[in-house]
PDB file of N, CA and C in Angstrom:
ATOM      1  N   MET A   1       0.898  -1.210  -0.175  1.00  0.00           N
ATOM      2  CA  MET A   1       0.041   0.068  -0.175  1.00  0.00           C
ATOM      3  C   MET A   1       0.655   1.238  -0.139  1.00  0.00           C
ATOM      4  N   SER A   2       0.490   2.071  -0.759  1.00  0.00           N
ATOM      5  CA  SER A   2       1.307   3.462  -0.770  1.00  0.00           C
ATOM      6  C   SER A   2       0.990   4.191   0.595  1.00  0.00           C
ATOM      7  N   GLU A   3       2.075   5.519   0.675  1.00  0.00           N
ATOM      8  CA  GLU A   3       1.807   6.201   1.650  1.00  0.00           C
ATOM      9  C   GLU A   3       0.365   7.047   1.195  1.00  0.00           C
ATOM     10  N   LYS A   4      -0.120   7.426   2.574  1.00  0.00           N
ATOM     11  CA  LYS A   4      -1.514   8.028   2.502  1.00  0.00           C
ATOM     12  C   LYS A   4      -1.257   9.534   2.171  1.00  0.00           C
ATOM     13  N   ILE A   5      -2.160   9.958   1.309  1.00  0.00           N
ATOM     14  CA  ILE A   5      -2.493  11.359   1.057  1.00  0.00           C
ATOM     15  C   ILE A   5      -3.323  11.996   1.619  1.00  0.00           C
ATOM     16  N   ARG A   6      -2.727  12.864   2.640  1.00  0.00           N
ATOM     17  CA  ARG A   6      -3.675  13.704   3.591  1.00  0.00           C
ATOM     18  C   ARG A   6      -4.320  14.782   2.691  1.00  0.00           C
ATOM     19  N   ILE A   7      -5.431  14.993   2.627  1.00  0.00           N
ATOM     20  CA  ILE A   7      -6.231  16.108   2.059  1.00  0.00           C
ATOM     21  C   ILE A   7      -7.093  16.860   3.295  1.00  0.00           C
ATOM     22  N   GLY A   8      -6.979  16.667   4.449  1.00  0.00           N
ATOM     23  CA  GLY A   8      -7.600  17.742   5.311  1.00  0.00           C
ATOM     24  C   GLY A   8      -7.429  16.834   6.775  1.00  0.00           C
ATOM     25  N   ASN A   9      -7.954  17.972   7.801  1.00  0.00           N
ATOM     26  CA  ASN A   9      -7.876  17.778   9.235  1.00  0.00           C
ATOM     27  C   ASN A   9      -8.732  18.639   9.772  1.00  0.00           C
ATOM     28  N   GLY A  10      -9.114  18.073  11.147  1.00  0.00           N
ATOM     29  CA  GLY A  10     -10.216  18.623  11.661  1.00  0.00           C
ATOM     30  C   GLY A  10      -9.967  18.279  13.179  1.00  0.00           C
ATOM     31  N   THR A  11     -11.315  18.768  13.759  1.00  0.00           N
ATOM     32  CA  THR A  11     -11.496  18.696  15.124  1.00  0.00           C
ATOM     33  C   THR A  11     -12.831  17.928  15.369  1.00  0.00           C
ATOM     34  N   LYS A  12     -12.763  17.070  16.740  1.00  0.00           N
ATOM     35  CA  LYS A  12     -13.900  16.520  16.688  1.00  0.00           C
ATOM     36  C   LYS A  12     -14.482  17.254  17.905  1.00  0.00           C
ATOM     37  N   LYS A  13     -16.055  17.859  17.495  1.00  0.00           N
ATOM     38  CA  LYS A  13     -16.743  18.790  18.487  1.00  0.00           C
ATOM     39  C   LYS A  13     -17.563  17.929  19.142  1.00  0.00           C
ATOM     40  N   SER A  14     -18.033  16.630  18.890  1.00  0.00           N
ATOM     41  CA  SER A  14     -18.837  15.983  20.292  1.00  0.00           C
ATOM     42  C   SER A  14     -18.759  14.207  19.440  1.00  0.00           C
ATOM     43  N   ASP A  15     -19.441  13.535  20.093  1.00  0.00           N
ATOM     44  CA  ASP A  15     -19.305  11.945  19.932  1.00  0.00           C
ATOM     45  C   ASP A  15     -19.945  12.042  18.526  1.00  0.00           C
ATOM     46  N   LYS A  16     -20.758  13.162  17.968  1.00  0.00           N
ATOM     47  CA  LYS A  16     -21.527  12.762  16.637  1.00  0.00           C
ATOM     48  C   LYS A  16     -21.477  14.090  15.788  1.00  0.00           C
ATOM     49  N   TRP A  17     -20.213  14.576  15.952  1.00  0.00           N
ATOM     50  CA  TRP A  17     -20.057  15.838  15.289  1.00  0.00           C
ATOM     51  C   TRP A  17     -18.579  16.075  14.875  1.00  0.00           C
ATOM     52  N   LEU A  18     -17.991  16.133  13.680  1.00  0.00           N
ATOM     53  CA  LEU A  18     -16.410  16.343  13.372  1.00  0.00           C
ATOM     54  C   LEU A  18     -16.545  17.132  12.313  1.00  0.00           C
ATOM     55  N   LYS A  19     -15.613  18.645  12.612  1.00  0.00           N
ATOM     56  CA  LYS A  19     -15.589  19.644  11.878  1.00  0.00           C
ATOM     57  C   LYS A  19     -14.284  19.349  11.010  1.00  0.00           C
ATOM     58  N   SER A  20     -14.078  19.830  10.008  1.00  0.00           N
ATOM     59  CA  SER A  20     -13.260  19.493   8.977  1.00  0.00           C
ATOM     60  C   SER A  20     -12.834  20.306   7.594  1.00  0.00           C
ATOM     61  N   SER A  21     -11.856  20.348   7.026  1.00  0.00           N
ATOM     62  CA  SER A  21     -11.709  21.228   6.023  1.00  0.00           C
ATOM     63  C   SER A  21     -10.904  20.048   5.043  1.00  0.00           C
ATOM     64  N   ILE A  22     -11.237  20.345   3.674  1.00  0.00           N
ATOM     65  CA  ILE A  22     -10.677  19.298   2.823  1.00  0.00           C
ATOM     66  C   ILE A  22     -10.317  20.098   1.711  1.00  0.00           C
ATOM     67  N   CYS A  23      -8.662  20.101   1.393  1.00  0.00           N
ATOM     68  CA  CYS A  23      -8.237  20.740   0.237  1.00  0.00           C
ATOM     69  C   CYS A  23      -8.398  19.791  -1.232  1.00  0.00           C
ATOM     70  N   LEU A  24      -9.178  20.219  -2.031  1.00  0.00           N
ATOM     71  CA  LEU A  24      -9.701  19.760  -3.098  1.00  0.00           C
ATOM     72  C   LEU A  24      -8.492  19.741  -4.128  1.00  0.00           C
ATOM     73  N   THR A  25      -7.604  20.602  -3.949  1.00  0.00           N
ATOM     74  CA  THR A  25      -6.585  20.799  -5.415  1.00  0.00           C
ATOM     75  C   THR A  25      -5.423  19.548  -4.699  1.00  0.00           C
ATOM     76  N   ASP A  26      -5.468  19.035  -3.793  1.00  0.00           N
ATOM     77  CA  ASP A  26      -4.485  17.975  -3.145  1.00  0.00           C
ATOM     78  C   ASP A  26      -5.021  16.563  -3.492  1.00  0.00           C
ATOM     79  N   ILE A  27      -6.280  16.583  -4.351  1.00  0.00           N
ATOM     80  CA  ILE A  27      -6.577  15.096  -4.648  1.00  0.00           C
ATOM     81  C   ILE A  27      -6.115  15.094  -6.421  1.00  0.00           C
ATOM     82  N   PRO A  28      -5.182  13.910  -6.381  1.00  0.00           N
ATOM     83  CA  PRO A  28      -4.825  13.442  -7.797  1.00  0.00           C
ATOM     84  C   PRO A  28      -5.946  13.065  -8.494  1.00  0.00           C
ATOM     85  N   LYS A  29      -6.020  13.359  -9.650  1.00  0.00           N
ATOM     86  CA  LYS A  29      -7.034  12.817 -10.664  1.00  0.00           C
ATOM     87  C   LYS A  29      -7.324  11.545 -10.383  1.00  0.00           C
ATOM     88  N   GLU A  30      -6.095  10.629 -10.337  1.00  0.00           N
ATOM     89  CA  GLU A  30      -6.335   9.229 -10.510  1.00  0.00           C
ATOM     90  C   GLU A  30      -7.135   8.422  -9.434  1.00  0.00           C
ATOM     91  N   ASN A  31      -7.054   9.446  -8.263  1.00  0.00           N
ATOM     92  CA  ASN A  31      -8.197   8.888  -7.043  1.00  0.00           C
ATOM     93  C   ASN A  31      -9.482   9.704  -7.097  1.00  0.00           C
ATOM     94  N   THR A  32     -10.020   9.931  -8.072  1.00  0.00           N
ATOM     95  CA  THR A  32     -11.357  10.549  -8.222  1.00  0.00           C
ATOM     96  C   THR A  32     -12.033   9.377  -9.299  1.00  0.00           C
ATOM     97  N   PHE A  33     -13.350   9.706  -9.299  1.00  0.00           N
ATOM     98  CA  PHE A  33     -14.094   8.675  -9.846  1.00  0.00           C
ATOM     99  C   PHE A  33     -15.650   9.371 -10.188  1.00  0.00           C
ATOM    100  N   GLU A  34     -16.165   8.912 -11.194  1.00  0.00           N
ATOM    101  CA  GLU A  34     -17.305   9.767 -11.835  1.00  0.00           C
ATOM    102  C   GLU A  34     -18.640   8.836 -11.694  1.00  0.00           C
ATOM    103  N   TYR A  35     -19.726   9.451 -11.687  1.00  0.00           N
ATOM    104  CA  TYR A  35     -20.822   8.642 -11.340  1.00  0.00           C
ATOM    105  C   TYR A  35     -22.163   9.502 -11.439  1.00  0.00           C
ATOM    106  N   ASN A  36     -22.805   9.602 -12.496  1.00  0.00           N
ATOM    107  CA  ASN A  36     -23.888  10.232 -13.121  1.00  0.00           C
ATOM    108  C   ASN A  36     -23.475  11.544 -13.003  1.00  0.00           C
ATOM    109  N   GLY A  37     -22.528  11.746 -13.703  1.00  0.00           N
ATOM    110  CA  GLY A  37     -22.049  13.246 -13.903  1.00  0.00           C
ATOM    111  C   GLY A  37     -21.345  14.042 -12.843  1.00  0.00           C
ATOM    112  N   LYS A  38     -21.226  13.326 -11.600  1.00  0.00           N
ATOM    113  CA  LYS A  38     -20.526  14.033 -10.639  1.00  0.00           C
ATOM    114  C   LYS A  38     -19.236  13.415 -10.239  1.00  0.00           C
ATOM    115  N   THR A  39     -18.037  14.089  -9.692  1.00  0.00           N
ATOM    116  CA  THR A  39     -16.944  13.637  -9.299  1.00  0.00           C
ATOM    117  C   THR A  39     -16.891  13.298  -7.933  1.00  0.00           C
ATOM    118  N   TYR A  40     -16.325  12.224  -7.350  1.00  0.00           N
ATOM    119  CA  TYR A  40     -16.368  11.725  -6.054  1.00  0.00           C
ATOM    120  C   TYR A  40     -14.928  11.320  -5.791  1.00  0.00           C
ATOM    121  N   VAL A  41     -14.587  11.197  -4.628  1.00  0.00           N
ATOM    122  CA  VAL A  41     -13.266  10.702  -4.018  1.00  0.00           C
ATOM    123  C   VAL A  41     -13.571   9.998  -2.823  1.00  0.00           C
ATOM    124  N   LYS A  42     -13.005   8.789  -2.422  1.00  0.00           N
ATOM    125  CA  LYS A  42     -13.440   8.088  -1.211  1.00  0.00           C
ATOM    126  C   LYS A  42     -12.330   8.689  -0.415  1.00  0.00           C
ATOM    127  N   VAL A  43     -12.551   8.550   0.897  1.00  0.00           N
ATOM    128  CA  VAL A  43     -12.019   8.929   1.841  1.00  0.00           C
ATOM    129  C   VAL A  43     -12.008   8.378   3.283  1.00  0.00           C
ATOM    130  N   ASP A  44     -10.957   8.170   3.836  1.00  0.00           N
ATOM    131  CA  ASP A  44     -10.466   7.626   5.236  1.00  0.00           C
ATOM    132  C   ASP A  44     -10.787   8.857   6.241  1.00  0.00           C
ATOM    133  N   ILE A  45     -11.351   8.434   7.241  1.00  0.00           N
ATOM    134  CA  ILE A  45     -11.355   9.426   8.424  1.00  0.00           C
ATOM    135  C   ILE A  45     -11.191   9.094   9.436  1.00  0.00           C
ATOM    136  N   ASN A  46     -10.206   9.663  10.255  1.00  0.00           N
ATOM    137  CA  ASN A  46      -9.526   8.940  11.578  1.00  0.00           C
ATOM    138  C   ASN A  46      -9.665  10.013  12.453  1.00  0.00           C
ATOM    139  N   ILE A  47     -10.220   9.286  13.699  1.00  0.00           N
ATOM    140  CA  ILE A  47     -10.149  10.154  14.888  1.00  0.00           C
ATOM    141  C   ILE A  47      -9.033   9.724  15.916  1.00  0.00           C
ATOM    142  N   PHE A  48      -8.444  10.548  16.116  1.00  0.00           N
ATOM    143  CA  PHE A  48      -7.221  10.441  17.339  1.00  0.00           C
ATOM    144  C   PHE A  48      -7.719  10.516  18.830  1.00  0.00           C
ATOM    145  N   ASP A  49      -7.023   9.587  19.611  1.00  0.00           N
ATOM    146  CA  ASP A  49      -7.401   9.731  20.781  1.00  0.00           C
ATOM    147  C   ASP A  49      -7.242  10.791  21.487  1.00  0.00           C
ATOM    148  N   LYS A  50      -5.904  11.652  21.032  1.00  0.00           N
ATOM    149  CA  LYS A  50      -5.960  13.043  21.741  1.00  0.00           C
ATOM    150  C   LYS A  50      -5.394  13.989  20.597  1.00  0.00           C
ATOM    151  N   PRO A  51      -5.359  15.174  20.631  1.00  0.00           N
ATOM    152  CA  PRO A  51      -5.161  16.281  19.736  1.00  0.00           C
ATOM    153  C   PRO A  51      -3.735  16.147  19.159  1.00  0.00           C
ATOM    154  N   ASN A  52      -3.292  16.439  18.196  1.00  0.00           N
ATOM    155  CA  ASN A  52      -1.645  16.706  17.646  1.00  0.00           C
ATOM    156  C   ASN A  52      -1.167  18.107  18.195  1.00  0.00           C
ATOM    157  N   LYS A  53      -0.041  18.330  18.248  1.00  0.00           N
ATOM    158  CA  LYS A  53       0.458  19.628  18.223  1.00  0.00           C
ATOM    159  C   LYS A  53      -0.514  20.770  17.731  1.00  0.00           C
ATOM    160  N   PHE A  54      -1.084  20.660  16.791  1.00  0.00           N
ATOM    161  CA  PHE A  54      -2.018  21.699  16.187  1.00  0.00           C
ATOM    162  C   PHE A  54      -3.379  22.114  16.865  1.00  0.00           C
ATOM    163  N   GLY A  55      -3.928  20.916  17.690  1.00  0.00           N
ATOM    164  CA  GLY A  55      -4.965  20.599  18.391  1.00  0.00           C
ATOM    165  C   GLY A  55      -5.739  20.085  17.539  1.00  0.00           C
ATOM    166  N   LYS A  56      -5.384  19.245  16.533  1.00  0.00           N
ATOM    167  CA  LYS A  56      -6.458  18.740  15.568  1.00  0.00           C
ATOM    168  C   LYS A  56      -6.281  17.255  15.929  1.00  0.00           C
ATOM    169  N   ASP A  57      -7.911  16.534  15.954  1.00  0.00           N
ATOM    170  CA  ASP A  57      -7.649  15.239  16.278  1.00  0.00           C
ATOM    171  C   ASP A  57      -8.594  14.341  15.063  1.00  0.00           C
ATOM    172  N   VAL A  58      -8.581  15.083  13.840  1.00  0.00           N
ATOM    173  CA  VAL A  58      -9.276  14.342  12.930  1.00  0.00           C
ATOM    174  C   VAL A  58      -8.725  14.571  11.939  1.00  0.00           C
ATOM    175  N   SER A  59      -8.309  13.111  11.216  1.00  0.00           N
ATOM    176  CA  SER A  59      -7.348  13.274   9.837  1.00  0.00           C
ATOM    177  C   SER A  59      -8.090  12.810   8.562  1.00  0.00           C
ATOM    178  N   ILE A  60      -8.059  13.319   7.612  1.00  0.00           N
ATOM    179  CA  ILE A  60      -8.763  12.856   6.307  1.00  0.00           C
ATOM    180  C   ILE A  60      -7.692  12.780   5.263  1.00  0.00           C
ATOM    181  N   SER A  61      -7.868  11.433   4.586  1.00  0.00           N
ATOM    182  CA  SER A  61      -7.111  10.986   3.551  1.00  0.00           C
ATOM    183  C   SER A  61      -7.708  10.251   2.626  1.00  0.00           C
ATOM    184  N   ILE A  62      -7.112  10.178   1.536  1.00  0.00           N
ATOM    185  CA  ILE A  62      -7.630   9.373   0.415  1.00  0.00           C
ATOM    186  C   ILE A  62      -7.776   7.855   0.630  1.00  0.00           C
ATOM    187  N   ASP A  63      -8.941   7.261   0.358  1.00  0.00           N
ATOM    188  CA  ASP A  63      -8.906   5.751   0.319  1.00  0.00           C
ATOM    189  C   ASP A  63      -8.573   5.230  -1.209  1.00  0.00           C
ATOM    190  N   ASP A  64      -7.425   4.706  -0.986  1.00  0.00           N
ATOM    191  CA  ASP A  64      -6.723   4.154  -2.086  1.00  0.00           C
ATOM    192  C   ASP A  64      -6.520   2.835  -2.706  1.00  0.00           C
ATOM    193  N   TRP A  65      -7.474   2.237  -1.566  1.00  0.00           N
ATOM    194  CA  TRP A  65      -7.669   0.675  -1.666  1.00  0.00           C
ATOM    195  C   TRP A  65      -8.209   0.323  -3.127  1.00  0.00           C
ATOM    196  N   LYS A  66      -7.412  -0.880  -3.633  1.00  0.00           N
ATOM    197  CA  LYS A  66      -8.247  -1.248  -4.872  1.00  0.00           C
ATOM    198  C   LYS A  66      -8.034  -2.535  -4.845  1.00  0.00           C
ATOM    199  N   PRO A  67      -9.213  -3.395  -5.200  1.00  0.00           N
ATOM    200  CA  PRO A  67      -9.140  -5.058  -5.166  1.00  0.00           C
ATOM    201  C   PRO A  67      -8.211  -5.463  -6.434  1.00  0.00           C
ATOM    202  N   GLU A  68      -7.163  -6.334  -5.922  1.00  0.00           N
ATOM    203  CA  GLU A  68      -6.396  -6.893  -6.509  1.00  0.00           C
ATOM    204  C   GLU A  68      -7.064  -7.577  -7.706  1.00  0.00           C
ATOM    205  N   GLU A  69      -6.183  -7.294  -9.070  1.00  0.00           N
ATOM    206  CA  GLU A  69      -6.989  -7.870 -10.323  1.00  0.00           C
ATOM    207  C   GLU A  69      -6.488  -9.171 -10.393  1.00  0.00           C
ATOM    208  N   LYS A  70      -7.444 -10.144 -10.542  1.00  0.00           N
ATOM    209  CA  LYS A  70      -6.928 -11.404 -10.594  1.00  0.00           C
ATOM    210  C   LYS A  70      -6.942 -12.083 -11.977  1.00  0.00           C
ATOM    211  N   GLN A  71      -6.241 -12.762 -12.597  1.00  0.00           N
ATOM    212  CA  GLN A  71      -6.081 -13.417 -14.001  1.00  0.00           C
ATOM    213  C   GLN A  71      -6.610 -14.902 -13.591  1.00  0.00           C
ATOM    214  N   TYR A  72      -7.698 -15.071 -14.337  1.00  0.00           N
ATOM    215  CA  TYR A  72      -8.634 -16.169 -14.414  1.00  0.00           C
ATOM    216  C   TYR A  72      -7.942 -16.995 -15.388  1.00  0.00           C
ATOM    217  N   SER A  73      -7.475 -18.277 -15.400  1.00  0.00           N
ATOM    218  CA  SER A  73      -7.237 -19.259 -16.508  1.00  0.00           C
ATOM    219  C   SER A  73      -8.103 -20.336 -16.346  1.00  0.00           C
ATOM    220  N   VAL A  74      -8.567 -20.826 -17.569  1.00  0.00           N
ATOM    221  CA  VAL A  74      -9.110 -22.189 -17.616  1.00  0.00           C
ATOM    222  C   VAL A  74      -7.931 -23.357 -17.554  1.00  0.00           C
ATOM    223  N   PRO A  75      -8.230 -24.134 -16.744  1.00  0.00           N
ATOM    224  CA  PRO A  75      -7.059 -25.446 -16.880  1.00  0.00           C
ATOM    225  C   PRO A  75      -6.974 -26.098 -18.236  1.00  0.00           C
ATOM    226  N   ALA A  76      -5.720 -26.721 -18.720  1.00  0.00           N
ATOM    227  CA  ALA A  76      -5.722 -27.202 -20.108  1.00  0.00           C
ATOM    228  C   ALA A  76      -6.905 -28.275 -20.253  1.00  0.00           C
ATOM    229  N   GLU A  77      -7.075 -29.295 -19.067  1.00  0.00           N
ATOM    230  CA  GLU A  77      -7.933 -30.349 -19.237  1.00  0.00           C
ATOM    231  C   GLU A  77      -9.428 -29.808 -19.410  1.00  0.00           C
ATOM    232  N   ARG A  78      -9.617 -28.807 -18.923  1.00  0.00           N
ATOM    233  CA  ARG A  78     -11.115 -28.047 -19.164  1.00  0.00           C
ATOM    234  C   ARG A  78     -11.103 -27.473 -20.579  1.00  0.00           C
ATOM    235  N   LYS A  79     -10.090 -26.986 -21.142  1.00  0.00           N
ATOM    236  CA  LYS A  79      -9.926 -26.400 -22.149  1.00  0.00           C
ATOM    237  C   LYS A  79     -10.310 -27.313 -23.281  1.00  0.00           C
ATOM    238  N   THR A  80      -9.705 -28.598 -23.270  1.00  0.00           N
ATOM    239  CA  THR A  80      -9.753 -29.645 -24.213  1.00  0.00           C
ATOM    240  C   THR A  80     -11.193 -29.998 -24.060  1.00  0.00           C
ATOM    241  N   ALA A  81     -11.806 -30.146 -22.991  1.00  0.00           N
ATOM    242  CA  ALA A  81     -13.066 -30.678 -22.700  1.00  0.00           C
ATOM    243  C   ALA A  81     -14.235 -29.937 -23.251  1.00  0.00           C
ATOM    244  N   GLY A  82     -13.837 -28.664 -23.050  1.00  0.00           N
ATOM    245  CA  GLY A  82     -14.915 -27.815 -23.673  1.00  0.00           C
ATOM    246  C   GLY A  82     -14.875 -27.666 -25.205  1.00  0.00           C
ATOM    247  N   ASP A  83     -13.353 -27.776 -25.645  1.00  0.00           N
ATOM    248  CA  ASP A  83     -13.207 -27.625 -27.178  1.00  0.00           C
ATOM    249  C   ASP A  83     -13.872 -28.892 -27.773  1.00  0.00           C
ATOM    250  N   ASN A  84     -13.824 -30.168 -27.307  1.00  0.00           N
ATOM    251  CA  ASN A  84     -14.433 -31.415 -27.517  1.00  0.00           C
ATOM    252  C   ASN A  84     -16.081 -31.002 -27.519  1.00  0.00           C
ATOM    253  N   ILE A  85     -16.546 -30.680 -26.383  1.00  0.00           N
ATOM    254  CA  ILE A  85     -18.040 -30.430 -26.411  1.00  0.00           C
ATOM    255  C   ILE A  85     -18.468 -29.727 -27.665  1.00  0.00           C
ATOM    256  N   ALA A  86     -17.981 -28.350 -27.784  1.00  0.00           N
ATOM    257  CA  ALA A  86     -18.130 -27.674 -28.679  1.00  0.00           C
ATOM    258  C   ALA A  86     -17.920 -28.252 -30.049  1.00  0.00           C
ATOM    259  N   ARG A  87     -17.207 -28.796 -30.415  1.00  0.00           N
ATOM    260  CA  ARG A  87     -17.082 -29.770 -31.407  1.00  0.00           C
ATOM    261  C   ARG A  87     -18.329 -30.404 -31.730  1.00  0.00           C
ATOM    262  N   LYS A  88     -18.370 -31.294 -30.603  1.00  0.00           N
ATOM    263  CA  LYS A  88     -19.564 -32.241 -30.928  1.00  0.00           C
ATOM    264  C   LYS A  88     -20.673 -31.550 -31.040  1.00  0.00           C
ATOM    265  N   VAL A  89     -21.142 -30.271 -30.485  1.00  0.00           N
ATOM    266  CA  VAL A  89     -22.419 -29.952 -30.981  1.00  0.00           C
ATOM    267  C   VAL A  89     -22.394 -29.300 -32.259  1.00  0.00           C
ATOM    268  N   GLN A  90     -21.169 -28.892 -32.849  1.00  0.00           N
ATOM    269  CA  GLN A  90     -21.138 -28.228 -34.117  1.00  0.00           C
ATOM    270  C   GLN A  90     -21.179 -29.258 -35.056  1.00  0.00           C
ATOM    271  N   GLU A  91     -20.963 -30.353 -34.811  1.00  0.00           N
ATOM    272  CA  GLU A  91     -20.943 -31.595 -35.561  1.00  0.00           C
ATOM    273  C   GLU A  91     -22.721 -32.087 -35.725  1.00  0.00           C
ATOM    274  N   SER A  92     -23.092 -32.108 -34.472  1.00  0.00           N
ATOM    275  CA  SER A  92     -24.394 -32.651 -34.557  1.00  0.00           C
ATOM    276  C   SER A  92     -25.302 -31.683 -35.133  1.00  0.00           C
ATOM    277  N   ALA A  93     -25.062 -30.100 -35.007  1.00  0.00           N
ATOM    278  CA  ALA A  93     -25.687 -29.145 -35.646  1.00  0.00           C
ATOM    279  C   ALA A  93     -25.733 -29.463 -37.374  1.00  0.00           C
ATOM    280  N   LEU A  94     -24.364 -30.077 -37.631  1.00  0.00           N
ATOM    281  CA  LEU A  94     -24.312 -30.142 -39.036  1.00  0.00           C
ATOM    282  C   LEU A  94     -25.096 -31.390 -39.486  1.00  0.00           C
ATOM    283  N   GLU A  95     -24.776 -32.325 -38.748  1.00  0.00           N
ATOM    284  CA  GLU A  95     -25.670 -33.434 -39.277  1.00  0.00           C
ATOM    285  C   GLU A  95     -27.163 -33.442 -39.483  1.00  0.00           C
ATOM    286  N   THR A  96     -27.577 -32.517 -38.331  1.00  0.00           N
ATOM    287  CA  THR A  96     -29.217 -32.204 -38.308  1.00  0.00           C
ATOM    288  C   THR A  96     -29.474 -31.519 -39.569  1.00  0.00           C
ATOM    289  N   ALA A  97     -28.495 -30.381 -39.786  1.00  0.00           N
ATOM    290  CA  ALA A  97     -28.994 -29.730 -40.939  1.00  0.00           C
ATOM    291  C   ALA A  97     -28.685 -30.406 -42.356  1.00  0.00           C
ATOM    292  N   ASN A  98     -27.759 -31.607 -42.328  1.00  0.00           N
ATOM    293  CA  ASN A  98     -27.769 -32.181 -43.680  1.00  0.00           C
ATOM    294  C   ASN A  98     -28.896 -33.230 -43.904  1.00  0.00           C
ATOM    295  N   ASP A  99     -29.374 -33.633 -42.634  1.00  0.00           N
ATOM    296  CA  ASP A  99     -30.689 -34.556 -42.591  1.00  0.00           C
ATOM    297  C   ASP A  99     -32.097 -33.843 -42.908  1.00  0.00           C
ATOM    298  N   ASP A 100     -31.997 -32.606 -42.672  1.00  0.00           N
ATOM    299  CA  ASP A 100     -32.978 -31.826 -43.371  1.00  0.00           C
ATOM    300  C   ASP A 100     -32.866 -31.645 -45.035  1.00  0.00           C
ATOM    301  N   PHE A 101     -31.712 -31.877 -45.590  1.00  0.00           N
ATOM    302  CA  PHE A 101     -31.820 -32.003 -46.983  1.00  0.00           C
ATOM    303  C   PHE A 101     -31.702 -33.249 -47.803  1.00  0.00           C
ATOM    304  N   ASN A 102     -32.031 -34.502 -46.966  1.00  0.00           N
ATOM    305  CA  ASN A 102     -32.106 -35.528 -47.504  1.00  0.00           C
ATOM    306  C   ASN A 102     -33.599 -35.907 -47.191  1.00  0.00           C
ATOM    307  N   LEU A 103     -34.707 -35.228 -47.520  1.00  0.00           N
ATOM    308  CA  LEU A 103     -36.214 -35.581 -47.158  1.00  0.00           C
ATOM    309  C   LEU A 103     -36.554 -36.672 -47.903  1.00  0.00           C
ATOM    310  N   PRO A 104     -37.237 -37.437 -47.382  1.00  0.00           N
ATOM    311  CA  PRO A 104     -37.717 -38.824 -48.076  1.00  0.00           C
ATOM    312  C   PRO A 104     -38.808 -38.452 -49.342  1.00  0.00           C
ATOM    313  N   PHE A 105     -39.347 -37.567 -49.347  1.00  0.00           N
ATOM    314  CA  PHE A 105     -40.145 -37.240 -50.391  1.00  0.00           C
ATOM    315  C   PHE A 105     -39.819 -36.199 -51.470  1.00  0.00           C
TER     316      PHE A 105
END
């Protein structure tokens, strides 16, 4: 995981109220996303047990978590079985089509 990009800080006013400022110009474009024509950024908000030297006990940083991209592959034996099934389906379809042309009347 990369180093957190801090975009704001603030203070805890009560158990249910945090007050903070966010610097929009510090948000890299690659950490934003668009949805329904609006731009968003995911954030992590941390509340400290005690204020720092500036009296701030709330920190806001960019949530840069991304799921790992997994490469899925089909085992060779499954590819072969799948190919064999597909080939049999095609052959069966051709046989049925050829049967339609050999009408008894």
